[in-house]
Amino acid sequence: MRYEIDNETYAVSIWDDINPEPFWFQPDYPNGDQFDSYEEAETWAQLALQSHNPNYGFFAPNGKGLAGEAKPTEAQILQSKLSRAGIDINQLKELLEL
């Protein structure tokens, strides 16, 4: 993966190096805060790339001065899937006769 930053607007474009167009275009922080400099946009872009590493536990920051939020754990992802299915962990255990 690679990124480019527009020198005038500081918009970040990220490519997967497979497709000709970027898969991620970020003109500002996700919450709408503006990038005030090339360096600020570059720091965000590097964190955004790093967030695609499965061994890195955080997303890129949503806004200026914010830390990246932690990615959900496998247990949290499973709990979310169960919730969407309308099942809690005890019901699942019962279904599986555990």
C-alpha atoms as a PDB file:
ATOM      1  CA  MET A   1       0.000   0.000   0.000  1.00  0.00           C
ATOM      2  CA  ARG A   2       1.040   3.559  -0.554  1.00  0.00           C
ATOM      3  CA  TYR A   3      -0.320   7.042  -0.014  1.00  0.00           C
ATOM      4  CA  GLU A   4      -0.085  10.438  -1.639  1.00  0.00           C
ATOM      5  CA  ILE A   5      -0.893  13.819  -0.154  1.00  0.00           C
ATOM      6  CA  ASP A   6      -2.087  16.798  -2.173  1.00  0.00           C
ATOM      7  CA  ASN A   7       0.387  19.635  -1.595  1.00  0.00           C
ATOM      8  CA  GLU A   8      -2.333  22.293  -1.599  1.00  0.00           C
ATOM      9  CA  THR A   9      -5.338  20.687   0.125  1.00  0.00           C
ATOM     10  CA  TYR A  10      -3.479  18.048   2.195  1.00  0.00           C
ATOM     11  CA  ALA A  11      -6.046  15.464   1.089  1.00  0.00           C
ATOM     12  CA  VAL A  12      -4.792  11.905   1.551  1.00  0.00           C
ATOM     13  CA  SER A  13      -5.250   9.200  -1.086  1.00  0.00           C
ATOM     14  CA  ILE A  14      -4.340   5.592  -0.311  1.00  0.00           C
ATOM     15  CA  TRP A  15      -3.828   2.853  -2.904  1.00  0.00           C
ATOM     16  CA  ASP A  16      -3.736  -0.905  -2.484  1.00  0.00           C
ATOM     17  CA  ASP A  17      -1.240  -1.226  -5.380  1.00  0.00           C
ATOM     18  CA  ILE A  18      -3.665  -3.556  -7.162  1.00  0.00           C
ATOM     19  CA  ASN A  19      -6.324  -1.164  -8.467  1.00  0.00           C
ATOM     20  CA  PRO A  20      -5.532   2.016 -10.418  1.00  0.00           C
ATOM     21  CA  GLU A  21      -7.723   4.233  -8.224  1.00  0.00           C
ATOM     22  CA  PRO A  22      -7.260   4.877  -4.506  1.00  0.00           C
ATOM     23  CA  PHE A  23      -9.473   2.820  -2.214  1.00  0.00           C
ATOM     24  CA  TRP A  24      -9.365   5.539   0.461  1.00  0.00           C
ATOM     25  CA  PHE A  25      -9.676   9.281  -0.104  1.00  0.00           C
ATOM     26  CA  GLN A  26      -9.524  11.379   3.046  1.00  0.00           C
ATOM     27  CA  PRO A  27      -9.698  15.161   2.448  1.00  0.00           C
ATOM     28  CA  ASP A  28      -9.825  15.841   6.211  1.00  0.00           C
ATOM     29  CA  TYR A  29      -9.909  13.801   9.397  1.00  0.00           C
ATOM     30  CA  PRO A  30     -12.922  11.443   9.462  1.00  0.00           C
ATOM     31  CA  ASN A  31     -14.748  13.758  11.916  1.00  0.00           C
ATOM     32  CA  GLY A  32     -14.303  16.762   9.591  1.00  0.00           C
ATOM     33  CA  ASP A  33     -11.353  18.421  11.345  1.00  0.00           C
ATOM     34  CA  GLN A  34      -8.999  19.809   8.725  1.00  0.00           C
ATOM     35  CA  PHE A  35      -5.395  18.796   8.202  1.00  0.00           C
ATOM     36  CA  ASP A  36      -3.464  22.012   8.834  1.00  0.00           C
ATOM     37  CA  SER A  37      -0.203  20.933   7.232  1.00  0.00           C
ATOM     38  CA  TYR A  38       1.366  18.397   4.957  1.00  0.00           C
ATOM     39  CA  GLU A  39       3.128  16.874   7.978  1.00  0.00           C
ATOM     40  CA  GLU A  40      -0.128  16.476   9.890  1.00  0.00           C
ATOM     41  CA  ALA A  41      -1.762  14.745   6.913  1.00  0.00           C
ATOM     42  CA  GLU A  42       1.295  12.548   6.488  1.00  0.00           C
ATOM     43  CA  THR A  43       1.229  11.450  10.129  1.00  0.00           C
ATOM     44  CA  TRP A  44      -2.445  10.535   9.743  1.00  0.00           C
ATOM     45  CA  ALA A  45      -1.739   8.684   6.456  1.00  0.00           C
ATOM     46  CA  GLN A  46       1.018   6.635   8.070  1.00  0.00           C
ATOM     47  CA  LEU A  47      -1.302   5.680  10.936  1.00  0.00           C
ATOM     48  CA  ALA A  48      -4.044   4.822   8.435  1.00  0.00           C
ATOM     49  CA  LEU A  49      -1.660   2.485   6.591  1.00  0.00           C
ATOM     50  CA  GLN A  50      -0.512   0.953   9.866  1.00  0.00           C
ATOM     51  CA  SER A  51      -4.140   0.323  10.845  1.00  0.00           C
ATOM     52  CA  HIS A  52      -4.370  -2.216   8.004  1.00  0.00           C
ATOM     53  CA  ASN A  53      -1.755  -4.377   9.716  1.00  0.00           C
ATOM     54  CA  PRO A  54      -3.677  -7.102  11.576  1.00  0.00           C
ATOM     55  CA  ASN A  55      -1.052  -7.034  14.341  1.00  0.00           C
ATOM     56  CA  TYR A  56      -1.591  -3.309  14.996  1.00  0.00           C
ATOM     57  CA  GLY A  57      -4.452  -2.774  17.449  1.00  0.00           C
ATOM     58  CA  PHE A  58      -5.676   0.713  16.539  1.00  0.00           C
ATOM     59  CA  PHE A  59      -7.524   2.631  13.833  1.00  0.00           C
ATOM     60  CA  ALA A  60      -6.252   5.958  12.489  1.00  0.00           C
ATOM     61  CA  PRO A  61      -7.387   8.923  14.629  1.00  0.00           C
ATOM     62  CA  ASN A  62     -10.863  10.283  13.903  1.00  0.00           C
ATOM     63  CA  GLY A  63      -9.888  13.887  14.577  1.00  0.00           C
ATOM     64  CA  LYS A  64      -7.238  16.397  15.449  1.00  0.00           C
ATOM     65  CA  GLY A  65      -5.501  15.639  18.744  1.00  0.00           C
ATOM     66  CA  LEU A  66      -7.358  12.345  19.209  1.00  0.00           C
ATOM     67  CA  ALA A  67      -5.770   8.953  19.717  1.00  0.00           C
ATOM     68  CA  GLY A  68      -6.728   6.134  17.399  1.00  0.00           C
ATOM     69  CA  GLU A  69      -9.502   3.955  18.775  1.00  0.00           C
ATOM     70  CA  ALA A  70      -8.677   0.367  19.652  1.00  0.00           C
ATOM     71  CA  LYS A  71      -9.763  -2.246  17.138  1.00  0.00           C
ATOM     72  CA  PRO A  72     -12.322  -4.705  18.492  1.00  0.00           C
ATOM     73  CA  THR A  73     -10.984  -7.970  19.861  1.00  0.00           C
ATOM     74  CA  GLU A  74     -12.051 -11.311  18.414  1.00  0.00           C
ATOM     75  CA  ALA A  75     -14.333 -11.781  21.427  1.00  0.00           C
ATOM     76  CA  GLN A  76     -15.971  -8.381  20.828  1.00  0.00           C
ATOM     77  CA  ILE A  77     -16.489  -9.201  17.140  1.00  0.00           C
ATOM     78  CA  LEU A  78     -18.110 -12.528  18.076  1.00  0.00           C
ATOM     79  CA  GLN A  79     -20.322 -10.807  20.665  1.00  0.00           C
ATOM     80  CA  SER A  80     -21.423  -8.276  18.027  1.00  0.00           C
ATOM     81  CA  LYS A  81     -22.299 -11.057  15.571  1.00  0.00           C
ATOM     82  CA  LEU A  82     -24.289 -12.871  18.234  1.00  0.00           C
ATOM     83  CA  SER A  83     -26.133  -9.639  19.125  1.00  0.00           C
ATOM     84  CA  ARG A  84     -27.057  -9.051  15.491  1.00  0.00           C
ATOM     85  CA  ALA A  85     -28.424 -12.602  15.385  1.00  0.00           C
ATOM     86  CA  GLY A  86     -30.422 -11.929  18.547  1.00  0.00           C
ATOM     87  CA  ILE A  87     -28.490 -14.476  20.600  1.00  0.00           C
ATOM     88  CA  ASP A  88     -26.522 -13.957  23.810  1.00  0.00           C
ATOM     89  CA  ILE A  89     -23.563 -16.080  24.905  1.00  0.00           C
ATOM     90  CA  ASN A  90     -25.660 -18.170  27.313  1.00  0.00           C
ATOM     91  CA  GLN A  91     -28.172 -18.996  24.585  1.00  0.00           C
ATOM     92  CA  LEU A  92     -25.318 -20.018  22.287  1.00  0.00           C
ATOM     93  CA  LYS A  93     -23.899 -22.315  24.964  1.00  0.00           C
ATOM     94  CA  GLU A  94     -27.347 -23.819  25.402  1.00  0.00           C
ATOM     95  CA  LEU A  95     -27.713 -24.352  21.658  1.00  0.00           C
ATOM     96  CA  LEU A  96     -24.302 -26.023  21.545  1.00  0.00           C
ATOM     97  CA  GLU A  97     -25.084 -28.004  24.693  1.00  0.00           C
ATOM     98  CA  LEU A  98     -22.012 -26.660  26.482  1.00  0.00           C
END
